[in-house]
Amino acid sequence: MALAVTAQAQKRFDFTVMGGANMGQIDGDHADRYRHLGLRAGVGTSFALGSDTKSPWRMVVELAYTQKGSYVEATDARLSADYVEIPLMLSYTTHSQNLRLSAGVAPALLVRSKVTYHGDEDPQGKDMFTAMDLLPVTVSARWLLGTHLGIEGRYQNSLLSVTREDVAGTYRLFRSNKGCFHNLLSIGLFLQF
């Protein structure tokens, strides 16, 4: 009986360990390139939706540590924000079983922030970011290279401002939503069991 339950669980759930690099910018900070490099590492699981374990539709839940930010060349300013995020995505696995496409949100809690100008830390810069990146939209594509190892590309963009100051910045979605927004590209490897 235990073997039957274990076999069923393995078909319904998978477990993933992931790691990679982030290339970030902050929309609204007057810099327009992905010049902030950071890391992304975490774990995740996905489970089949419905009673059919072979359904291509799955729910993905992850827990990750991710570094976001920006580099503004004109003022030699580095804006860094580290988050613990919980991506919640709906995914579709293609018929080949090698490609999984996902989309969802990744609410994130700010763990650490730092702003430097010409290499010197601005003591007030750590209060620049809000406590949460509440509504970043996330899309990803995963390609399974073998039985367990794969590569993933991910794009993430905040829909709500991530800075406390609202005098500068840009707009997102509607005119009253002004501020600065994380814009992130990630690439990495994952192990899936």
N, C-alpha and C. Protein backbone atom coordinates (compact mmCIF):
# COMPACT_ATOMS: atom_id res chain seq x y z
N MET A 1 0.83 -1.19 0.00
CA MET A 1 0.00 0.00 0.00
C MET A 1 0.87 1.25 0.00
N ALA A 2 1.92 1.28 0.81
CA ALA A 2 2.82 2.44 0.87
C ALA A 2 3.49 2.67 -0.47
N LEU A 3 3.89 1.59 -1.16
CA LEU A 3 4.50 1.73 -2.49
C LEU A 3 3.52 2.33 -3.48
N ALA A 4 2.26 1.96 -3.41
CA ALA A 4 1.25 2.49 -4.32
C ALA A 4 1.03 3.98 -4.07
N VAL A 5 0.99 4.39 -2.80
CA VAL A 5 0.81 5.82 -2.47
C VAL A 5 2.02 6.62 -2.93
N THR A 6 3.22 6.09 -2.72
CA THR A 6 4.45 6.77 -3.14
C THR A 6 4.48 6.93 -4.66
N ALA A 7 4.12 5.90 -5.39
CA ALA A 7 4.11 5.97 -6.85
C ALA A 7 3.09 7.00 -7.33
N GLN A 8 1.92 7.04 -6.68
CA GLN A 8 0.91 8.02 -7.06
C GLN A 8 1.39 9.44 -6.78
N ALA A 9 2.03 9.66 -5.61
CA ALA A 9 2.53 10.99 -5.24
C ALA A 9 3.59 11.46 -6.22
N GLN A 10 4.43 10.55 -6.68
CA GLN A 10 5.49 10.94 -7.61
C GLN A 10 4.91 11.39 -8.94
N LYS A 11 3.79 10.85 -9.35
CA LYS A 11 3.17 11.28 -10.59
C LYS A 11 2.45 12.61 -10.43
N ARG A 12 1.87 12.85 -9.26
CA ARG A 12 1.10 14.07 -9.05
C ARG A 12 1.99 15.27 -8.70
N PHE A 13 3.07 15.05 -7.99
CA PHE A 13 3.93 16.13 -7.51
C PHE A 13 5.34 15.98 -8.08
N ASP A 14 6.00 17.11 -8.24
CA ASP A 14 7.44 17.07 -8.49
C ASP A 14 8.09 18.09 -7.57
N PHE A 15 9.37 17.91 -7.33
CA PHE A 15 10.15 18.80 -6.47
C PHE A 15 11.30 19.35 -7.28
N THR A 16 11.56 20.66 -7.15
CA THR A 16 12.59 21.32 -7.95
C THR A 16 13.53 22.13 -7.07
N VAL A 17 14.83 22.05 -7.37
CA VAL A 17 15.85 22.91 -6.78
C VAL A 17 16.41 23.74 -7.92
N MET A 18 16.49 25.07 -7.73
CA MET A 18 16.90 25.93 -8.85
C MET A 18 17.92 26.98 -8.41
N GLY A 19 18.69 27.44 -9.38
CA GLY A 19 19.65 28.51 -9.14
C GLY A 19 20.00 29.17 -10.46
N GLY A 20 20.32 30.47 -10.39
CA GLY A 20 20.65 31.17 -11.62
C GLY A 20 21.04 32.61 -11.38
N ALA A 21 21.09 33.35 -12.47
CA ALA A 21 21.51 34.75 -12.44
C ALA A 21 20.36 35.65 -12.88
N ASN A 22 20.27 36.82 -12.23
CA ASN A 22 19.30 37.85 -12.59
C ASN A 22 20.00 39.01 -13.26
N MET A 23 19.36 39.58 -14.25
CA MET A 23 19.79 40.84 -14.85
C MET A 23 18.62 41.80 -14.67
N GLY A 24 18.84 42.86 -13.87
CA GLY A 24 17.72 43.71 -13.50
C GLY A 24 17.89 45.16 -13.86
N GLN A 25 16.77 45.83 -13.89
CA GLN A 25 16.71 47.28 -14.00
C GLN A 25 15.48 47.72 -13.23
N ILE A 26 15.41 49.01 -12.94
CA ILE A 26 14.23 49.57 -12.29
C ILE A 26 13.63 50.58 -13.25
N ASP A 27 12.44 50.29 -13.75
CA ASP A 27 11.76 51.23 -14.63
C ASP A 27 11.37 52.45 -13.82
N GLY A 28 11.77 53.64 -14.31
CA GLY A 28 11.46 54.87 -13.62
C GLY A 28 12.66 55.49 -12.93
N ASP A 29 13.84 54.86 -12.99
CA ASP A 29 15.02 55.42 -12.33
C ASP A 29 15.98 56.10 -13.32
N HIS A 30 15.52 56.32 -14.53
CA HIS A 30 16.27 57.01 -15.58
C HIS A 30 17.46 56.21 -16.10
N ALA A 31 17.42 54.91 -15.94
CA ALA A 31 18.41 54.01 -16.56
C ALA A 31 17.60 53.00 -17.37
N ASP A 32 18.11 52.61 -18.52
CA ASP A 32 17.28 51.79 -19.40
C ASP A 32 17.90 50.47 -19.83
N ARG A 33 18.85 49.97 -19.09
CA ARG A 33 19.46 48.70 -19.47
C ARG A 33 19.47 47.75 -18.29
N TYR A 34 19.53 46.47 -18.59
CA TYR A 34 19.61 45.44 -17.55
C TYR A 34 21.07 45.36 -17.09
N ARG A 35 21.45 46.25 -16.17
CA ARG A 35 22.85 46.34 -15.76
C ARG A 35 23.11 45.90 -14.34
N HIS A 36 22.08 45.54 -13.62
CA HIS A 36 22.26 45.05 -12.24
C HIS A 36 22.27 43.53 -12.26
N LEU A 37 23.37 42.94 -11.83
CA LEU A 37 23.49 41.48 -11.78
C LEU A 37 23.20 40.99 -10.37
N GLY A 38 22.47 39.90 -10.28
CA GLY A 38 22.15 39.32 -8.98
C GLY A 38 21.99 37.82 -9.10
N LEU A 39 21.67 37.19 -7.99
CA LEU A 39 21.49 35.74 -7.93
C LEU A 39 20.03 35.40 -7.64
N ARG A 40 19.67 34.19 -8.00
CA ARG A 40 18.35 33.66 -7.68
C ARG A 40 18.53 32.20 -7.32
N ALA A 41 17.99 31.79 -6.17
CA ALA A 41 18.07 30.40 -5.74
C ALA A 41 16.82 30.04 -4.96
N GLY A 42 16.37 28.80 -5.11
CA GLY A 42 15.19 28.42 -4.37
C GLY A 42 14.77 26.98 -4.61
N VAL A 43 13.60 26.67 -4.09
CA VAL A 43 13.00 25.36 -4.23
C VAL A 43 11.56 25.54 -4.67
N GLY A 44 10.99 24.49 -5.23
CA GLY A 44 9.61 24.59 -5.66
C GLY A 44 8.98 23.23 -5.85
N THR A 45 7.69 23.25 -6.04
CA THR A 45 6.94 22.04 -6.33
C THR A 45 5.84 22.37 -7.32
N SER A 46 5.40 21.39 -8.03
CA SER A 46 4.24 21.56 -8.88
C SER A 46 3.36 20.33 -8.73
N PHE A 47 2.07 20.54 -8.93
CA PHE A 47 1.15 19.41 -8.82
C PHE A 47 0.11 19.51 -9.92
N ALA A 48 -0.34 18.35 -10.36
CA ALA A 48 -1.32 18.27 -11.44
C ALA A 48 -2.65 18.83 -10.97
N LEU A 49 -3.32 19.56 -11.85
CA LEU A 49 -4.65 20.08 -11.55
C LEU A 49 -5.68 19.05 -11.98
N GLY A 50 -6.62 18.75 -11.12
CA GLY A 50 -7.62 17.74 -11.42
C GLY A 50 -7.15 16.36 -11.03
N SER A 51 -7.98 15.38 -11.33
CA SER A 51 -7.67 14.02 -10.93
C SER A 51 -6.77 13.28 -11.92
N ASP A 52 -6.62 13.82 -13.12
CA ASP A 52 -5.79 13.17 -14.13
C ASP A 52 -4.33 13.55 -13.91
N THR A 53 -3.51 12.59 -13.50
CA THR A 53 -2.10 12.88 -13.24
C THR A 53 -1.32 13.19 -14.52
N LYS A 54 -1.88 12.85 -15.68
CA LYS A 54 -1.20 13.14 -16.95
C LYS A 54 -1.66 14.46 -17.56
N SER A 55 -2.45 15.23 -16.83
CA SER A 55 -2.92 16.53 -17.31
C SER A 55 -1.72 17.44 -17.57
N PRO A 56 -1.72 18.19 -18.67
CA PRO A 56 -0.61 19.10 -18.94
C PRO A 56 -0.64 20.35 -18.05
N TRP A 57 -1.75 20.59 -17.38
CA TRP A 57 -1.90 21.78 -16.53
C TRP A 57 -1.46 21.47 -15.11
N ARG A 58 -0.60 22.35 -14.56
CA ARG A 58 -0.08 22.16 -13.21
C ARG A 58 -0.07 23.50 -12.48
N MET A 59 -0.10 23.43 -11.17
CA MET A 59 0.08 24.60 -10.31
C MET A 59 1.49 24.55 -9.77
N VAL A 60 2.22 25.66 -9.88
CA VAL A 60 3.62 25.74 -9.43
C VAL A 60 3.69 26.68 -8.22
N VAL A 61 4.33 26.21 -7.16
CA VAL A 61 4.56 27.02 -5.96
C VAL A 61 6.04 26.95 -5.65
N GLU A 62 6.67 28.12 -5.47
CA GLU A 62 8.12 28.17 -5.21
C GLU A 62 8.42 29.05 -4.01
N LEU A 63 9.59 28.89 -3.47
CA LEU A 63 10.14 29.76 -2.43
C LEU A 63 11.57 30.06 -2.88
N ALA A 64 11.86 31.36 -3.10
CA ALA A 64 13.17 31.71 -3.67
C ALA A 64 13.73 32.97 -3.03
N TYR A 65 15.05 33.04 -3.01
CA TYR A 65 15.78 34.24 -2.62
C TYR A 65 16.26 34.88 -3.92
N THR A 66 15.92 36.15 -4.14
CA THR A 66 16.28 36.78 -5.40
C THR A 66 16.80 38.19 -5.18
N GLN A 67 17.78 38.58 -5.97
CA GLN A 67 18.39 39.91 -5.89
C GLN A 67 17.95 40.73 -7.09
N LYS A 68 17.33 41.89 -6.81
CA LYS A 68 16.85 42.78 -7.85
C LYS A 68 17.54 44.13 -7.67
N GLY A 69 17.41 45.01 -8.67
CA GLY A 69 17.98 46.33 -8.54
C GLY A 69 18.27 46.98 -9.87
N SER A 70 19.16 47.99 -9.81
CA SER A 70 19.46 48.78 -10.99
C SER A 70 20.83 49.44 -10.84
N TYR A 71 21.40 49.80 -11.96
CA TYR A 71 22.63 50.61 -11.98
C TYR A 71 22.38 51.81 -12.88
N VAL A 72 22.55 53.02 -12.33
CA VAL A 72 22.36 54.25 -13.08
C VAL A 72 23.73 54.84 -13.38
N GLU A 73 24.14 54.75 -14.63
CA GLU A 73 25.49 55.16 -15.02
C GLU A 73 25.73 56.66 -14.82
N ALA A 74 24.73 57.49 -15.10
CA ALA A 74 24.90 58.95 -15.03
C ALA A 74 25.31 59.42 -13.65
N THR A 75 24.82 58.77 -12.60
CA THR A 75 25.16 59.16 -11.22
C THR A 75 26.02 58.11 -10.52
N ASP A 76 26.44 57.07 -11.24
CA ASP A 76 27.18 55.95 -10.67
C ASP A 76 26.49 55.43 -9.42
N ALA A 77 25.18 55.22 -9.54
CA ALA A 77 24.36 54.75 -8.42
C ALA A 77 23.97 53.29 -8.62
N ARG A 78 24.11 52.51 -7.56
CA ARG A 78 23.66 51.12 -7.55
C ARG A 78 22.55 50.99 -6.54
N LEU A 79 21.40 50.50 -7.02
CA LEU A 79 20.25 50.27 -6.15
C LEU A 79 20.06 48.76 -6.06
N SER A 80 20.16 48.22 -4.87
CA SER A 80 20.07 46.77 -4.67
C SER A 80 18.97 46.45 -3.68
N ALA A 81 18.18 45.44 -4.01
CA ALA A 81 17.10 44.99 -3.13
C ALA A 81 17.03 43.47 -3.19
N ASP A 82 17.17 42.83 -2.04
CA ASP A 82 17.11 41.38 -1.94
C ASP A 82 15.75 40.99 -1.36
N TYR A 83 15.13 39.97 -1.96
CA TYR A 83 13.79 39.57 -1.56
C TYR A 83 13.71 38.07 -1.33
N VAL A 84 12.76 37.68 -0.49
CA VAL A 84 12.28 36.29 -0.42
C VAL A 84 10.93 36.33 -1.12
N GLU A 85 10.81 35.55 -2.20
CA GLU A 85 9.58 35.60 -2.99
C GLU A 85 8.90 34.24 -3.04
N ILE A 86 7.59 34.29 -3.26
CA ILE A 86 6.79 33.07 -3.36
C ILE A 86 6.03 33.10 -4.68
N PRO A 87 6.66 32.67 -5.78
CA PRO A 87 5.96 32.61 -7.06
C PRO A 87 4.83 31.59 -7.04
N LEU A 88 3.68 31.99 -7.56
CA LEU A 88 2.50 31.14 -7.72
C LEU A 88 2.12 31.21 -9.18
N MET A 89 2.29 30.10 -9.91
CA MET A 89 2.10 30.13 -11.35
C MET A 89 1.26 28.95 -11.83
N LEU A 90 0.56 29.18 -12.91
CA LEU A 90 -0.15 28.14 -13.63
C LEU A 90 0.77 27.73 -14.78
N SER A 91 0.98 26.43 -14.96
CA SER A 91 1.90 26.00 -16.01
C SER A 91 1.24 25.01 -16.95
N TYR A 92 1.79 24.97 -18.15
CA TYR A 92 1.34 24.04 -19.18
C TYR A 92 2.56 23.29 -19.70
N THR A 93 2.50 21.96 -19.67
CA THR A 93 3.59 21.12 -20.18
C THR A 93 3.21 20.63 -21.57
N THR A 94 4.10 20.84 -22.54
CA THR A 94 3.82 20.44 -23.92
C THR A 94 3.81 18.92 -24.05
N HIS A 95 3.33 18.44 -25.19
CA HIS A 95 3.22 17.00 -25.42
C HIS A 95 4.57 16.29 -25.37
N SER A 96 5.64 16.98 -25.71
CA SER A 96 6.96 16.35 -25.67
C SER A 96 7.43 16.11 -24.24
N GLN A 97 6.77 16.74 -23.24
CA GLN A 97 7.11 16.65 -21.82
C GLN A 97 8.41 17.36 -21.47
N ASN A 98 9.07 17.99 -22.45
CA ASN A 98 10.34 18.67 -22.17
C ASN A 98 10.17 20.16 -21.90
N LEU A 99 9.12 20.77 -22.43
CA LEU A 99 8.92 22.21 -22.30
C LEU A 99 7.73 22.50 -21.39
N ARG A 100 7.97 23.34 -20.37
CA ARG A 100 6.90 23.78 -19.46
C ARG A 100 6.85 25.31 -19.49
N LEU A 101 5.69 25.86 -19.85
CA LEU A 101 5.46 27.30 -19.89
C LEU A 101 4.61 27.68 -18.69
N SER A 102 4.99 28.75 -17.97
CA SER A 102 4.28 29.14 -16.75
C SER A 102 4.05 30.63 -16.73
N ALA A 103 2.99 31.04 -16.04
CA ALA A 103 2.69 32.46 -15.84
C ALA A 103 1.96 32.62 -14.51
N GLY A 104 2.23 33.72 -13.84
CA GLY A 104 1.57 33.97 -12.56
C GLY A 104 2.12 35.20 -11.88
N VAL A 105 2.06 35.22 -10.56
CA VAL A 105 2.57 36.33 -9.76
C VAL A 105 3.62 35.81 -8.79
N ALA A 106 4.48 36.72 -8.31
CA ALA A 106 5.55 36.32 -7.39
C ALA A 106 5.69 37.36 -6.28
N PRO A 107 4.73 37.44 -5.34
CA PRO A 107 4.85 38.39 -4.24
C PRO A 107 6.16 38.17 -3.49
N ALA A 108 6.80 39.29 -3.09
CA ALA A 108 8.13 39.19 -2.49
C ALA A 108 8.25 40.12 -1.29
N LEU A 109 8.92 39.63 -0.26
CA LEU A 109 9.17 40.38 0.97
C LEU A 109 10.61 40.89 0.95
N LEU A 110 10.78 42.19 1.15
CA LEU A 110 12.12 42.79 1.14
C LEU A 110 12.90 42.32 2.36
N VAL A 111 14.11 41.80 2.12
CA VAL A 111 14.99 41.32 3.19
C VAL A 111 16.10 42.33 3.47
N ARG A 112 16.64 42.91 2.40
CA ARG A 112 17.77 43.83 2.54
C ARG A 112 17.77 44.77 1.36
N SER A 113 18.11 46.03 1.61
CA SER A 113 18.26 46.98 0.50
C SER A 113 19.47 47.87 0.76
N LYS A 114 20.03 48.38 -0.33
CA LYS A 114 21.24 49.19 -0.22
C LYS A 114 21.34 50.07 -1.46
N VAL A 115 21.74 51.33 -1.24
CA VAL A 115 21.97 52.26 -2.34
C VAL A 115 23.37 52.82 -2.17
N THR A 116 24.17 52.76 -3.24
CA THR A 116 25.52 53.33 -3.20
C THR A 116 25.69 54.34 -4.34
N TYR A 117 26.45 55.40 -4.05
CA TYR A 117 26.84 56.40 -5.05
C TYR A 117 28.35 56.43 -5.09
N HIS A 118 28.93 56.22 -6.25
CA HIS A 118 30.39 56.20 -6.43
C HIS A 118 31.06 55.25 -5.44
N GLY A 119 30.39 54.13 -5.14
CA GLY A 119 30.95 53.12 -4.25
C GLY A 119 30.69 53.37 -2.77
N ASP A 120 30.17 54.54 -2.41
CA ASP A 120 29.89 54.84 -1.00
C ASP A 120 28.41 54.62 -0.70
N GLU A 121 28.15 53.95 0.40
CA GLU A 121 26.76 53.64 0.75
C GLU A 121 26.03 54.88 1.25
N ASP A 122 24.80 55.05 0.77
CA ASP A 122 23.91 56.10 1.23
C ASP A 122 23.10 55.54 2.39
N PRO A 123 23.29 56.05 3.63
CA PRO A 123 22.59 55.47 4.78
C PRO A 123 21.07 55.57 4.69
N GLN A 124 20.57 56.57 3.97
CA GLN A 124 19.12 56.72 3.83
C GLN A 124 18.57 55.88 2.68
N GLY A 125 19.46 55.35 1.85
CA GLY A 125 19.03 54.57 0.70
C GLY A 125 18.33 53.28 1.06
N LYS A 126 18.65 52.71 2.23
CA LYS A 126 18.02 51.45 2.62
C LYS A 126 16.53 51.59 2.85
N ASP A 127 16.05 52.83 3.06
CA ASP A 127 14.62 53.07 3.26
C ASP A 127 13.91 53.45 1.96
N MET A 128 14.59 53.34 0.84
CA MET A 128 14.01 53.73 -0.44
C MET A 128 12.90 52.79 -0.90
N PHE A 129 13.08 51.48 -0.63
CA PHE A 129 12.15 50.48 -1.14
C PHE A 129 11.03 50.20 -0.15
N THR A 130 9.87 49.85 -0.68
CA THR A 130 8.75 49.42 0.16
C THR A 130 9.04 48.03 0.72
N ALA A 131 8.31 47.65 1.75
CA ALA A 131 8.57 46.37 2.43
C ALA A 131 8.24 45.16 1.56
N MET A 132 7.41 45.35 0.52
CA MET A 132 7.04 44.23 -0.35
C MET A 132 7.01 44.66 -1.80
N ASP A 133 7.36 43.73 -2.66
CA ASP A 133 7.08 43.85 -4.09
C ASP A 133 5.82 43.01 -4.25
N LEU A 134 4.67 43.66 -4.11
CA LEU A 134 3.42 42.95 -3.90
C LEU A 134 2.87 42.23 -5.13
N LEU A 135 3.04 42.81 -6.31
CA LEU A 135 2.39 42.21 -7.47
C LEU A 135 3.29 42.17 -8.71
N PRO A 136 4.41 41.43 -8.64
CA PRO A 136 5.19 41.24 -9.86
C PRO A 136 4.62 40.10 -10.71
N VAL A 137 4.41 40.38 -11.97
CA VAL A 137 3.94 39.36 -12.91
C VAL A 137 5.14 38.58 -13.40
N THR A 138 5.01 37.26 -13.47
CA THR A 138 6.12 36.38 -13.84
C THR A 138 5.71 35.44 -14.96
N VAL A 139 6.59 35.30 -15.95
CA VAL A 139 6.41 34.26 -16.98
C VAL A 139 7.73 33.50 -17.08
N SER A 140 7.63 32.20 -17.34
CA SER A 140 8.86 31.41 -17.44
C SER A 140 8.69 30.30 -18.47
N ALA A 141 9.83 29.86 -18.97
CA ALA A 141 9.89 28.71 -19.87
C ALA A 141 11.00 27.81 -19.37
N ARG A 142 10.66 26.54 -19.15
CA ARG A 142 11.64 25.54 -18.68
C ARG A 142 11.79 24.46 -19.72
N TRP A 143 13.03 24.10 -19.97
CA TRP A 143 13.32 23.02 -20.91
C TRP A 143 14.09 21.94 -20.16
N LEU A 144 13.53 20.75 -20.10
CA LEU A 144 14.16 19.62 -19.44
C LEU A 144 15.18 19.01 -20.40
N LEU A 145 16.46 19.04 -20.02
CA LEU A 145 17.54 18.57 -20.89
C LEU A 145 17.73 17.06 -20.81
N GLY A 146 17.41 16.50 -19.66
CA GLY A 146 17.56 15.06 -19.45
C GLY A 146 16.49 14.58 -18.50
N THR A 147 16.81 13.58 -17.72
CA THR A 147 15.83 13.04 -16.78
C THR A 147 15.50 14.03 -15.67
N HIS A 148 16.52 14.73 -15.15
CA HIS A 148 16.30 15.63 -14.02
C HIS A 148 16.80 17.06 -14.25
N LEU A 149 17.80 17.27 -15.10
CA LEU A 149 18.43 18.58 -15.27
C LEU A 149 17.74 19.38 -16.37
N GLY A 150 17.58 20.68 -16.11
CA GLY A 150 16.97 21.53 -17.12
C GLY A 150 17.47 22.96 -17.03
N ILE A 151 17.05 23.79 -17.99
CA ILE A 151 17.39 25.20 -18.06
C ILE A 151 16.10 26.00 -18.07
N GLU A 152 16.14 27.18 -17.44
CA GLU A 152 14.95 28.01 -17.35
C GLU A 152 15.27 29.46 -17.67
N GLY A 153 14.37 30.11 -18.39
CA GLY A 153 14.41 31.55 -18.62
C GLY A 153 13.16 32.14 -18.01
N ARG A 154 13.30 33.31 -17.38
CA ARG A 154 12.17 33.91 -16.66
C ARG A 154 12.19 35.42 -16.85
N TYR A 155 11.00 36.00 -16.95
CA TYR A 155 10.83 37.45 -17.01
C TYR A 155 9.87 37.86 -15.91
N GLN A 156 10.20 38.97 -15.23
CA GLN A 156 9.36 39.44 -14.14
C GLN A 156 9.26 40.96 -14.20
N ASN A 157 8.06 41.49 -13.96
CA ASN A 157 7.85 42.93 -13.99
C ASN A 157 6.82 43.31 -12.93
N SER A 158 7.19 44.27 -12.08
CA SER A 158 6.30 44.71 -11.01
C SER A 158 5.16 45.56 -11.57
N LEU A 159 3.96 45.34 -11.07
CA LEU A 159 2.81 46.15 -11.48
C LEU A 159 2.55 47.29 -10.51
N LEU A 160 3.07 47.18 -9.27
CA LEU A 160 2.92 48.24 -8.28
C LEU A 160 4.30 48.78 -7.94
N SER A 161 4.37 50.07 -7.61
CA SER A 161 5.65 50.71 -7.32
C SER A 161 6.36 50.03 -6.15
N VAL A 162 7.68 49.92 -6.26
CA VAL A 162 8.49 49.28 -5.22
C VAL A 162 9.29 50.30 -4.41
N THR A 163 9.07 51.59 -4.68
CA THR A 163 9.79 52.63 -3.94
C THR A 163 8.80 53.47 -3.15
N ARG A 164 9.29 54.05 -2.06
CA ARG A 164 8.45 54.91 -1.22
C ARG A 164 8.26 56.28 -1.85
N GLU A 165 9.26 56.76 -2.54
CA GLU A 165 9.22 58.10 -3.14
C GLU A 165 8.45 58.05 -4.44
N ASP A 166 7.47 58.93 -4.62
CA ASP A 166 6.67 58.88 -5.83
C ASP A 166 6.78 60.14 -6.68
N VAL A 167 7.74 61.03 -6.38
CA VAL A 167 7.87 62.25 -7.19
C VAL A 167 8.53 61.96 -8.54
N ALA A 168 9.41 60.98 -8.58
CA ALA A 168 10.05 60.61 -9.84
C ALA A 168 9.43 59.30 -10.30
N GLY A 169 9.86 58.84 -11.44
CA GLY A 169 9.43 57.52 -11.86
C GLY A 169 8.68 57.54 -13.17
N THR A 170 7.91 56.51 -13.36
CA THR A 170 7.14 56.31 -14.58
C THR A 170 5.76 55.79 -14.18
N TYR A 171 4.95 55.49 -15.17
CA TYR A 171 3.59 55.01 -14.89
C TYR A 171 3.47 53.54 -15.29
N ARG A 172 2.60 52.82 -14.60
CA ARG A 172 2.33 51.43 -14.91
C ARG A 172 0.82 51.21 -14.84
N LEU A 173 0.25 50.70 -15.90
CA LEU A 173 -1.17 50.37 -16.01
C LEU A 173 -2.10 51.58 -16.10
N PHE A 174 -2.05 52.49 -15.15
CA PHE A 174 -2.95 53.65 -15.17
C PHE A 174 -2.23 54.86 -14.58
N ARG A 175 -2.75 56.05 -14.83
CA ARG A 175 -2.05 57.29 -14.51
C ARG A 175 -1.79 57.49 -13.02
N SER A 176 -2.61 56.95 -12.16
CA SER A 176 -2.40 57.16 -10.72
C SER A 176 -1.35 56.20 -10.15
N ASN A 177 -0.91 55.20 -10.92
CA ASN A 177 0.08 54.24 -10.46
C ASN A 177 1.47 54.67 -10.94
N LYS A 178 2.06 55.64 -10.22
CA LYS A 178 3.35 56.20 -10.61
C LYS A 178 4.42 55.76 -9.62
N GLY A 179 5.61 55.52 -10.12
CA GLY A 179 6.71 55.16 -9.24
C GLY A 179 7.80 54.42 -9.98
N CYS A 180 8.51 53.55 -9.28
CA CYS A 180 9.58 52.75 -9.86
C CYS A 180 9.19 51.28 -9.74
N PHE A 181 9.56 50.49 -10.76
CA PHE A 181 9.09 49.12 -10.86
C PHE A 181 10.25 48.20 -11.25
N HIS A 182 10.38 47.08 -10.54
CA HIS A 182 11.41 46.11 -10.91
C HIS A 182 11.10 45.48 -12.26
N ASN A 183 12.14 45.31 -13.06
CA ASN A 183 12.06 44.69 -14.37
C ASN A 183 13.24 43.72 -14.42
N LEU A 184 12.97 42.42 -14.56
CA LEU A 184 13.99 41.42 -14.30
C LEU A 184 13.98 40.32 -15.35
N LEU A 185 15.17 39.96 -15.82
CA LEU A 185 15.38 38.79 -16.67
C LEU A 185 16.24 37.80 -15.88
N SER A 186 15.88 36.53 -15.91
CA SER A 186 16.64 35.50 -15.20
C SER A 186 16.91 34.33 -16.11
N ILE A 187 18.05 33.72 -15.89
CA ILE A 187 18.37 32.46 -16.57
C ILE A 187 19.07 31.58 -15.56
N GLY A 188 18.74 30.29 -15.59
CA GLY A 188 19.34 29.41 -14.62
C GLY A 188 19.13 27.95 -14.91
N LEU A 189 19.62 27.12 -14.01
CA LEU A 189 19.48 25.67 -14.11
C LEU A 189 18.57 25.18 -13.00
N PHE A 190 17.95 24.03 -13.23
CA PHE A 190 17.14 23.43 -12.19
C PHE A 190 17.30 21.91 -12.20
N LEU A 191 17.09 21.31 -11.05
CA LEU A 191 17.02 19.85 -10.91
C LEU A 191 15.60 19.52 -10.50
N GLN A 192 14.96 18.62 -11.23
CA GLN A 192 13.57 18.27 -10.96
C GLN A 192 13.48 16.78 -10.61
N PHE A 193 12.79 16.50 -9.53
CA PHE A 193 12.63 15.11 -9.07
C PHE A 193 11.16 14.77 -8.95
